[in-house]
Amino acid sequence: MSTAPTLNGQVIGQAHYATRALLDGLLADEGITFHQAVALNATADGGDTVERDGLVARMTSTLKTDESAVLATIAELTASGLLDALPGDVGLVALTEKGRALQSRIKAGTAKITERLYGDLPAEDLRTAGRVLTLVTARANAEAAGR
C-alpha cells in the first residue's frame, strides 16, 4: 500500500505545474497568455470595469511580478481590442464585447478542467487543502514582505 506524501513545497509545485500545463493549453488555443487571462478575469470580477491602478496592484501582488510586466499586459489587451481604456481621466479599463466573449470561453474551459481534476474529491478534503494552502500563502507573503 502506498502512502500519500506529506504536503510540502515540492508537492504543491508539482500540482501547480501539472494544472498550469492544462490551463496553458487552453489559453494557447485561445491565443492569449496567462497574464492576459488573469487581467481579463480580474476585470470581469470587477463587473467588467476596473481601476487600472487596482488591476496593477492585484496582479503584481498575486503573480509576484513587476509593474512594468502588468502594464505591458494591459497595453497588449488594449491593442488587441480585448480591453478598452475608458474616456476621461478616471483610470478605468473595461472589457470589450470581444474581451467579455473570450473571458467567458476561458472561464467555461477552466470550469471543465476544474471538474475533471477536483470533481470526485471529497468536499472536506478540498476544504482542508484550501485552508492549509491559504495559510501557507499568507505566511509566505508575510515573510516576503518582511525581507
N, C-alpha and C. Protein backbone atom coordinates (compact mmCIF):
# COMPACT_ATOMS: atom_id res chain seq x y z
N MET A 1 0.85 -1.18 0.00
CA MET A 1 0.00 0.00 0.00
C MET A 1 0.89 1.24 0.00
N SER A 2 0.61 2.17 -0.90
CA SER A 2 1.41 3.40 -0.93
C SER A 2 0.78 4.43 -0.01
N THR A 3 1.61 5.28 0.51
CA THR A 3 1.11 6.34 1.37
C THR A 3 1.28 7.67 0.65
N ALA A 4 0.37 8.56 0.92
CA ALA A 4 0.44 9.88 0.30
C ALA A 4 1.59 10.66 0.92
N PRO A 5 2.26 11.47 0.12
CA PRO A 5 3.34 12.27 0.67
C PRO A 5 2.80 13.36 1.58
N THR A 6 3.62 13.81 2.49
CA THR A 6 3.27 14.94 3.34
C THR A 6 3.30 16.20 2.48
N LEU A 7 2.35 17.07 2.72
CA LEU A 7 2.30 18.32 1.96
C LEU A 7 3.57 19.12 2.18
N ASN A 8 4.19 19.55 1.09
CA ASN A 8 5.38 20.40 1.14
C ASN A 8 5.46 21.18 -0.16
N GLY A 9 6.46 22.03 -0.27
CA GLY A 9 6.60 22.87 -1.45
C GLY A 9 6.73 22.09 -2.74
N GLN A 10 7.39 20.95 -2.70
CA GLN A 10 7.55 20.15 -3.91
C GLN A 10 6.21 19.58 -4.37
N VAL A 11 5.42 19.07 -3.45
CA VAL A 11 4.10 18.53 -3.81
C VAL A 11 3.21 19.65 -4.34
N ILE A 12 3.24 20.80 -3.68
CA ILE A 12 2.44 21.94 -4.14
C ILE A 12 2.89 22.37 -5.54
N GLY A 13 4.20 22.45 -5.73
CA GLY A 13 4.73 22.86 -7.03
C GLY A 13 4.36 21.89 -8.14
N GLN A 14 4.43 20.59 -7.86
CA GLN A 14 4.08 19.61 -8.88
C GLN A 14 2.61 19.73 -9.27
N ALA A 15 1.74 19.92 -8.28
CA ALA A 15 0.32 20.10 -8.57
C ALA A 15 0.09 21.39 -9.37
N HIS A 16 0.79 22.44 -8.97
CA HIS A 16 0.66 23.72 -9.68
C HIS A 16 1.07 23.58 -11.14
N TYR A 17 2.24 23.02 -11.39
CA TYR A 17 2.73 22.95 -12.77
C TYR A 17 1.93 21.99 -13.63
N ALA A 18 1.45 20.90 -13.04
CA ALA A 18 0.62 19.97 -13.81
C ALA A 18 -0.70 20.64 -14.21
N THR A 19 -1.29 21.35 -13.27
CA THR A 19 -2.54 22.05 -13.53
C THR A 19 -2.32 23.21 -14.50
N ARG A 20 -1.26 23.94 -14.28
CA ARG A 20 -0.95 25.09 -15.13
C ARG A 20 -0.72 24.67 -16.58
N ALA A 21 -0.14 23.48 -16.79
CA ALA A 21 0.08 23.00 -18.16
C ALA A 21 -1.26 22.83 -18.88
N LEU A 22 -2.27 22.35 -18.17
CA LEU A 22 -3.60 22.21 -18.78
C LEU A 22 -4.19 23.57 -19.11
N LEU A 23 -4.07 24.51 -18.17
CA LEU A 23 -4.57 25.86 -18.40
C LEU A 23 -3.82 26.52 -19.55
N ASP A 24 -2.51 26.38 -19.59
CA ASP A 24 -1.73 26.99 -20.67
C ASP A 24 -2.15 26.45 -22.03
N GLY A 25 -2.52 25.17 -22.10
CA GLY A 25 -3.01 24.61 -23.36
C GLY A 25 -4.31 25.28 -23.79
N LEU A 26 -5.21 25.48 -22.85
CA LEU A 26 -6.46 26.17 -23.12
C LEU A 26 -6.19 27.60 -23.60
N LEU A 27 -5.30 28.30 -22.90
CA LEU A 27 -5.00 29.68 -23.26
C LEU A 27 -4.33 29.77 -24.62
N ALA A 28 -3.43 28.84 -24.92
CA ALA A 28 -2.76 28.83 -26.23
C ALA A 28 -3.79 28.64 -27.34
N ASP A 29 -4.77 27.77 -27.10
CA ASP A 29 -5.83 27.58 -28.10
C ASP A 29 -6.61 28.87 -28.35
N GLU A 30 -6.71 29.70 -27.31
CA GLU A 30 -7.43 30.98 -27.43
C GLU A 30 -6.51 32.12 -27.89
N GLY A 31 -5.20 31.87 -27.93
CA GLY A 31 -4.26 32.87 -28.43
C GLY A 31 -3.89 33.94 -27.43
N ILE A 32 -3.97 33.63 -26.13
CA ILE A 32 -3.56 34.61 -25.12
C ILE A 32 -2.63 33.98 -24.10
N THR A 33 -1.99 34.83 -23.32
CA THR A 33 -1.06 34.38 -22.30
C THR A 33 -1.75 34.27 -20.95
N PHE A 34 -1.05 33.65 -20.01
CA PHE A 34 -1.56 33.52 -18.65
C PHE A 34 -1.82 34.89 -18.03
N HIS A 35 -0.84 35.80 -18.14
CA HIS A 35 -1.02 37.13 -17.56
C HIS A 35 -2.22 37.86 -18.18
N GLN A 36 -2.41 37.70 -19.47
CA GLN A 36 -3.56 38.32 -20.12
C GLN A 36 -4.87 37.74 -19.59
N ALA A 37 -4.90 36.42 -19.39
CA ALA A 37 -6.09 35.78 -18.84
C ALA A 37 -6.38 36.28 -17.43
N VAL A 38 -5.34 36.43 -16.62
CA VAL A 38 -5.52 36.94 -15.25
C VAL A 38 -6.11 38.34 -15.30
N ALA A 39 -5.61 39.18 -16.19
CA ALA A 39 -6.13 40.55 -16.30
C ALA A 39 -7.59 40.55 -16.74
N LEU A 40 -7.94 39.70 -17.70
CA LEU A 40 -9.33 39.62 -18.13
C LEU A 40 -10.23 39.13 -16.99
N ASN A 41 -9.78 38.12 -16.26
CA ASN A 41 -10.57 37.59 -15.14
C ASN A 41 -10.74 38.64 -14.05
N ALA A 42 -9.67 39.35 -13.73
CA ALA A 42 -9.74 40.37 -12.68
C ALA A 42 -10.70 41.49 -13.10
N THR A 43 -10.69 41.83 -14.36
CA THR A 43 -11.61 42.86 -14.86
C THR A 43 -13.05 42.37 -14.81
N ALA A 44 -13.26 41.11 -15.20
CA ALA A 44 -14.61 40.54 -15.12
C ALA A 44 -15.08 40.48 -13.67
N ASP A 45 -14.17 40.13 -12.76
CA ASP A 45 -14.52 40.09 -11.33
C ASP A 45 -14.96 41.46 -10.83
N GLY A 46 -14.46 42.52 -11.45
CA GLY A 46 -14.82 43.88 -11.05
C GLY A 46 -16.08 44.38 -11.74
N GLY A 47 -16.84 43.50 -12.33
CA GLY A 47 -18.06 43.92 -13.01
C GLY A 47 -17.79 44.40 -14.42
N ASP A 48 -16.72 43.90 -15.03
CA ASP A 48 -16.29 44.22 -16.39
C ASP A 48 -15.56 45.56 -16.50
N THR A 49 -15.41 46.26 -15.38
CA THR A 49 -14.66 47.51 -15.34
C THR A 49 -13.83 47.52 -14.07
N VAL A 50 -12.58 48.00 -14.19
CA VAL A 50 -11.69 48.02 -13.04
C VAL A 50 -10.76 49.23 -13.14
N GLU A 51 -10.36 49.75 -11.99
CA GLU A 51 -9.36 50.82 -11.99
C GLU A 51 -8.02 50.22 -12.41
N ARG A 52 -7.36 50.88 -13.33
CA ARG A 52 -6.07 50.40 -13.83
C ARG A 52 -5.09 50.18 -12.67
N ASP A 53 -4.99 51.14 -11.76
CA ASP A 53 -4.06 51.01 -10.64
C ASP A 53 -4.41 49.82 -9.75
N GLY A 54 -5.69 49.58 -9.55
CA GLY A 54 -6.13 48.43 -8.76
C GLY A 54 -5.79 47.12 -9.44
N LEU A 55 -5.95 47.09 -10.75
CA LEU A 55 -5.60 45.90 -11.53
C LEU A 55 -4.10 45.64 -11.44
N VAL A 56 -3.31 46.69 -11.57
CA VAL A 56 -1.86 46.55 -11.46
C VAL A 56 -1.48 46.02 -10.08
N ALA A 57 -2.06 46.60 -9.04
CA ALA A 57 -1.75 46.17 -7.68
C ALA A 57 -2.14 44.71 -7.45
N ARG A 58 -3.32 44.34 -7.92
CA ARG A 58 -3.78 42.96 -7.74
C ARG A 58 -2.85 41.97 -8.45
N MET A 59 -2.48 42.28 -9.68
CA MET A 59 -1.65 41.35 -10.45
C MET A 59 -0.23 41.28 -9.92
N THR A 60 0.35 42.42 -9.54
CA THR A 60 1.72 42.37 -9.02
C THR A 60 1.76 41.61 -7.71
N SER A 61 0.73 41.77 -6.91
CA SER A 61 0.67 41.08 -5.61
C SER A 61 0.46 39.58 -5.75
N THR A 62 -0.50 39.19 -6.56
CA THR A 62 -0.82 37.77 -6.65
C THR A 62 0.16 37.00 -7.54
N LEU A 63 0.65 37.63 -8.60
CA LEU A 63 1.55 36.93 -9.52
C LEU A 63 3.02 37.12 -9.19
N LYS A 64 3.30 37.98 -8.22
CA LYS A 64 4.69 38.26 -7.83
C LYS A 64 5.51 38.70 -9.05
N THR A 65 4.94 39.63 -9.78
CA THR A 65 5.60 40.18 -10.96
C THR A 65 5.72 41.68 -10.79
N ASP A 66 6.48 42.32 -11.67
CA ASP A 66 6.67 43.75 -11.51
C ASP A 66 5.63 44.54 -12.30
N GLU A 67 5.52 45.80 -11.93
CA GLU A 67 4.51 46.69 -12.51
C GLU A 67 4.65 46.81 -14.02
N SER A 68 5.88 46.87 -14.52
CA SER A 68 6.06 47.05 -15.96
C SER A 68 5.50 45.87 -16.75
N ALA A 69 5.60 44.67 -16.21
CA ALA A 69 5.04 43.49 -16.89
C ALA A 69 3.51 43.58 -16.95
N VAL A 70 2.91 44.05 -15.87
CA VAL A 70 1.45 44.17 -15.84
C VAL A 70 0.99 45.28 -16.78
N LEU A 71 1.67 46.39 -16.76
CA LEU A 71 1.32 47.49 -17.67
C LEU A 71 1.45 47.04 -19.13
N ALA A 72 2.47 46.25 -19.43
CA ALA A 72 2.63 45.71 -20.79
C ALA A 72 1.46 44.80 -21.14
N THR A 73 1.03 43.99 -20.20
CA THR A 73 -0.11 43.10 -20.42
C THR A 73 -1.37 43.90 -20.71
N ILE A 74 -1.61 44.94 -19.92
CA ILE A 74 -2.79 45.79 -20.14
C ILE A 74 -2.70 46.46 -21.52
N ALA A 75 -1.52 46.92 -21.90
CA ALA A 75 -1.35 47.53 -23.21
C ALA A 75 -1.61 46.52 -24.33
N GLU A 76 -1.15 45.27 -24.16
CA GLU A 76 -1.39 44.23 -25.17
C GLU A 76 -2.89 43.97 -25.32
N LEU A 77 -3.59 43.88 -24.20
CA LEU A 77 -5.03 43.62 -24.24
C LEU A 77 -5.79 44.78 -24.86
N THR A 78 -5.34 45.99 -24.59
CA THR A 78 -5.98 47.17 -25.18
C THR A 78 -5.73 47.21 -26.69
N ALA A 79 -4.48 46.95 -27.08
CA ALA A 79 -4.13 46.97 -28.51
C ALA A 79 -4.88 45.89 -29.29
N SER A 80 -5.17 44.75 -28.63
CA SER A 80 -5.87 43.66 -29.33
C SER A 80 -7.39 43.79 -29.25
N GLY A 81 -7.87 44.87 -28.63
CA GLY A 81 -9.30 45.10 -28.59
C GLY A 81 -10.05 44.27 -27.55
N LEU A 82 -9.34 43.75 -26.56
CA LEU A 82 -9.99 42.96 -25.50
C LEU A 82 -10.33 43.81 -24.28
N LEU A 83 -9.53 44.85 -24.05
CA LEU A 83 -9.79 45.84 -23.01
C LEU A 83 -9.86 47.20 -23.67
N ASP A 84 -10.57 48.10 -23.02
CA ASP A 84 -10.68 49.46 -23.54
C ASP A 84 -10.47 50.42 -22.38
N ALA A 85 -9.58 51.40 -22.58
CA ALA A 85 -9.40 52.46 -21.59
C ALA A 85 -10.60 53.38 -21.69
N LEU A 86 -11.30 53.59 -20.59
CA LEU A 86 -12.48 54.44 -20.62
C LEU A 86 -12.07 55.90 -20.75
N PRO A 87 -12.87 56.69 -21.46
CA PRO A 87 -12.52 58.09 -21.68
C PRO A 87 -12.50 58.90 -20.38
N GLY A 88 -11.75 59.95 -20.41
CA GLY A 88 -11.62 60.81 -19.23
C GLY A 88 -10.39 60.44 -18.43
N ASP A 89 -10.22 61.12 -17.35
CA ASP A 89 -9.02 60.93 -16.52
C ASP A 89 -9.34 60.09 -15.29
N VAL A 90 -10.16 59.05 -15.48
CA VAL A 90 -10.59 58.24 -14.35
C VAL A 90 -9.73 56.99 -14.14
N GLY A 91 -8.91 56.63 -15.11
CA GLY A 91 -8.02 55.48 -14.96
C GLY A 91 -8.72 54.14 -14.93
N LEU A 92 -9.85 54.04 -15.63
CA LEU A 92 -10.59 52.78 -15.67
C LEU A 92 -10.34 52.05 -16.98
N VAL A 93 -10.32 50.73 -16.91
CA VAL A 93 -10.31 49.89 -18.11
C VAL A 93 -11.51 48.96 -18.02
N ALA A 94 -12.02 48.59 -19.19
CA ALA A 94 -13.22 47.75 -19.24
C ALA A 94 -13.05 46.67 -20.30
N LEU A 95 -13.73 45.55 -20.07
CA LEU A 95 -13.78 44.51 -21.08
C LEU A 95 -14.59 45.02 -22.27
N THR A 96 -14.12 44.74 -23.45
CA THR A 96 -14.90 45.00 -24.65
C THR A 96 -15.81 43.79 -24.87
N GLU A 97 -16.67 43.87 -25.86
CA GLU A 97 -17.50 42.69 -26.21
C GLU A 97 -16.61 41.50 -26.52
N LYS A 98 -15.58 41.76 -27.32
CA LYS A 98 -14.63 40.70 -27.70
C LYS A 98 -13.92 40.15 -26.46
N GLY A 99 -13.54 41.01 -25.55
CA GLY A 99 -12.87 40.59 -24.32
C GLY A 99 -13.79 39.79 -23.41
N ARG A 100 -15.04 40.22 -23.33
CA ARG A 100 -16.04 39.52 -22.50
C ARG A 100 -16.29 38.13 -23.06
N ALA A 101 -16.38 38.01 -24.38
CA ALA A 101 -16.62 36.71 -25.00
C ALA A 101 -15.44 35.77 -24.76
N LEU A 102 -14.23 36.29 -24.91
CA LEU A 102 -13.04 35.48 -24.68
C LEU A 102 -12.95 35.05 -23.22
N GLN A 103 -13.19 35.98 -22.30
CA GLN A 103 -13.12 35.65 -20.88
C GLN A 103 -14.16 34.60 -20.52
N SER A 104 -15.32 34.66 -21.13
CA SER A 104 -16.37 33.66 -20.89
C SER A 104 -15.95 32.28 -21.37
N ARG A 105 -15.31 32.22 -22.53
CA ARG A 105 -14.83 30.93 -23.04
C ARG A 105 -13.75 30.35 -22.14
N ILE A 106 -12.85 31.22 -21.68
CA ILE A 106 -11.78 30.76 -20.79
C ILE A 106 -12.37 30.27 -19.46
N LYS A 107 -13.34 31.00 -18.94
CA LYS A 107 -13.98 30.60 -17.69
C LYS A 107 -14.66 29.24 -17.85
N ALA A 108 -15.34 29.04 -18.96
CA ALA A 108 -16.01 27.76 -19.20
C ALA A 108 -14.99 26.63 -19.35
N GLY A 109 -13.91 26.89 -20.07
CA GLY A 109 -12.87 25.88 -20.24
C GLY A 109 -12.18 25.54 -18.93
N THR A 110 -11.95 26.57 -18.11
CA THR A 110 -11.33 26.36 -16.80
C THR A 110 -12.27 25.55 -15.90
N ALA A 111 -13.55 25.81 -15.98
CA ALA A 111 -14.52 25.05 -15.18
C ALA A 111 -14.49 23.57 -15.55
N LYS A 112 -14.34 23.28 -16.83
CA LYS A 112 -14.26 21.87 -17.27
C LYS A 112 -13.00 21.21 -16.72
N ILE A 113 -11.87 21.91 -16.79
CA ILE A 113 -10.62 21.38 -16.23
C ILE A 113 -10.78 21.15 -14.74
N THR A 114 -11.34 22.12 -14.05
CA THR A 114 -11.54 22.02 -12.60
C THR A 114 -12.41 20.82 -12.26
N GLU A 115 -13.47 20.61 -12.99
CA GLU A 115 -14.36 19.48 -12.73
C GLU A 115 -13.63 18.15 -12.93
N ARG A 116 -12.85 18.05 -13.99
CA ARG A 116 -12.11 16.81 -14.23
C ARG A 116 -11.10 16.53 -13.12
N LEU A 117 -10.44 17.57 -12.62
CA LEU A 117 -9.38 17.39 -11.63
C LEU A 117 -9.90 17.26 -10.20
N TYR A 118 -10.94 18.01 -9.86
CA TYR A 118 -11.41 18.09 -8.47
C TYR A 118 -12.78 17.47 -8.24
N GLY A 119 -13.53 17.22 -9.30
CA GLY A 119 -14.94 16.87 -9.19
C GLY A 119 -15.26 15.69 -8.30
N ASP A 120 -14.41 14.68 -8.26
CA ASP A 120 -14.73 13.49 -7.46
C ASP A 120 -14.01 13.46 -6.12
N LEU A 121 -13.33 14.54 -5.76
CA LEU A 121 -12.63 14.59 -4.48
C LEU A 121 -13.60 14.96 -3.37
N PRO A 122 -13.44 14.38 -2.19
CA PRO A 122 -14.34 14.70 -1.08
C PRO A 122 -14.29 16.18 -0.72
N ALA A 123 -15.47 16.75 -0.48
CA ALA A 123 -15.58 18.19 -0.18
C ALA A 123 -14.75 18.56 1.05
N GLU A 124 -14.73 17.71 2.07
CA GLU A 124 -13.96 18.02 3.28
C GLU A 124 -12.46 18.06 2.97
N ASP A 125 -11.98 17.17 2.11
CA ASP A 125 -10.57 17.20 1.72
C ASP A 125 -10.24 18.50 1.00
N LEU A 126 -11.14 18.94 0.14
CA LEU A 126 -10.91 20.19 -0.60
C LEU A 126 -10.90 21.39 0.35
N ARG A 127 -11.82 21.39 1.33
CA ARG A 127 -11.84 22.48 2.31
C ARG A 127 -10.55 22.48 3.14
N THR A 128 -10.10 21.31 3.56
CA THR A 128 -8.87 21.21 4.35
C THR A 128 -7.68 21.70 3.53
N ALA A 129 -7.57 21.23 2.31
CA ALA A 129 -6.46 21.67 1.45
C ALA A 129 -6.52 23.18 1.23
N GLY A 130 -7.71 23.70 1.03
CA GLY A 130 -7.88 25.15 0.84
C GLY A 130 -7.42 25.94 2.06
N ARG A 131 -7.80 25.46 3.25
CA ARG A 131 -7.38 26.15 4.48
C ARG A 131 -5.86 26.12 4.63
N VAL A 132 -5.26 24.96 4.41
CA VAL A 132 -3.82 24.81 4.58
C VAL A 132 -3.07 25.67 3.57
N LEU A 133 -3.47 25.63 2.32
CA LEU A 133 -2.77 26.40 1.29
C LEU A 133 -2.96 27.91 1.47
N THR A 134 -4.12 28.32 1.95
CA THR A 134 -4.34 29.73 2.25
C THR A 134 -3.42 30.19 3.37
N LEU A 135 -3.26 29.38 4.38
CA LEU A 135 -2.36 29.71 5.49
C LEU A 135 -0.90 29.75 5.02
N VAL A 136 -0.49 28.78 4.22
CA VAL A 136 0.88 28.77 3.70
C VAL A 136 1.13 30.02 2.86
N THR A 137 0.16 30.39 2.02
CA THR A 137 0.30 31.59 1.19
C THR A 137 0.43 32.84 2.05
N ALA A 138 -0.41 32.97 3.07
CA ALA A 138 -0.34 34.14 3.96
C ALA A 138 1.01 34.21 4.67
N ARG A 139 1.49 33.07 5.13
CA ARG A 139 2.79 33.06 5.81
C ARG A 139 3.93 33.43 4.86
N ALA A 140 3.89 32.90 3.66
CA ALA A 140 4.94 33.21 2.69
C ALA A 140 4.89 34.69 2.31
N ASN A 141 3.70 35.22 2.11
CA ASN A 141 3.56 36.65 1.77
C ASN A 141 4.08 37.53 2.92
N ALA A 142 3.76 37.15 4.15
CA ALA A 142 4.23 37.93 5.30
C ALA A 142 5.75 37.88 5.41
N GLU A 143 6.31 36.71 5.19
CA GLU A 143 7.76 36.59 5.25
C GLU A 143 8.43 37.39 4.13
N ALA A 144 7.87 37.32 2.94
CA ALA A 144 8.43 38.09 1.82
C ALA A 144 8.35 39.58 2.07
N ALA A 145 7.26 40.03 2.69
CA ALA A 145 7.09 41.46 2.99
C ALA A 145 8.11 41.92 4.02
N GLY A 146 8.54 41.01 4.88
CA GLY A 146 9.50 41.36 5.91
C GLY A 146 10.95 41.37 5.45
N ARG A 147 11.19 40.93 4.22
CA ARG A 147 12.57 40.89 3.70
C ARG A 147 13.00 42.22 3.16
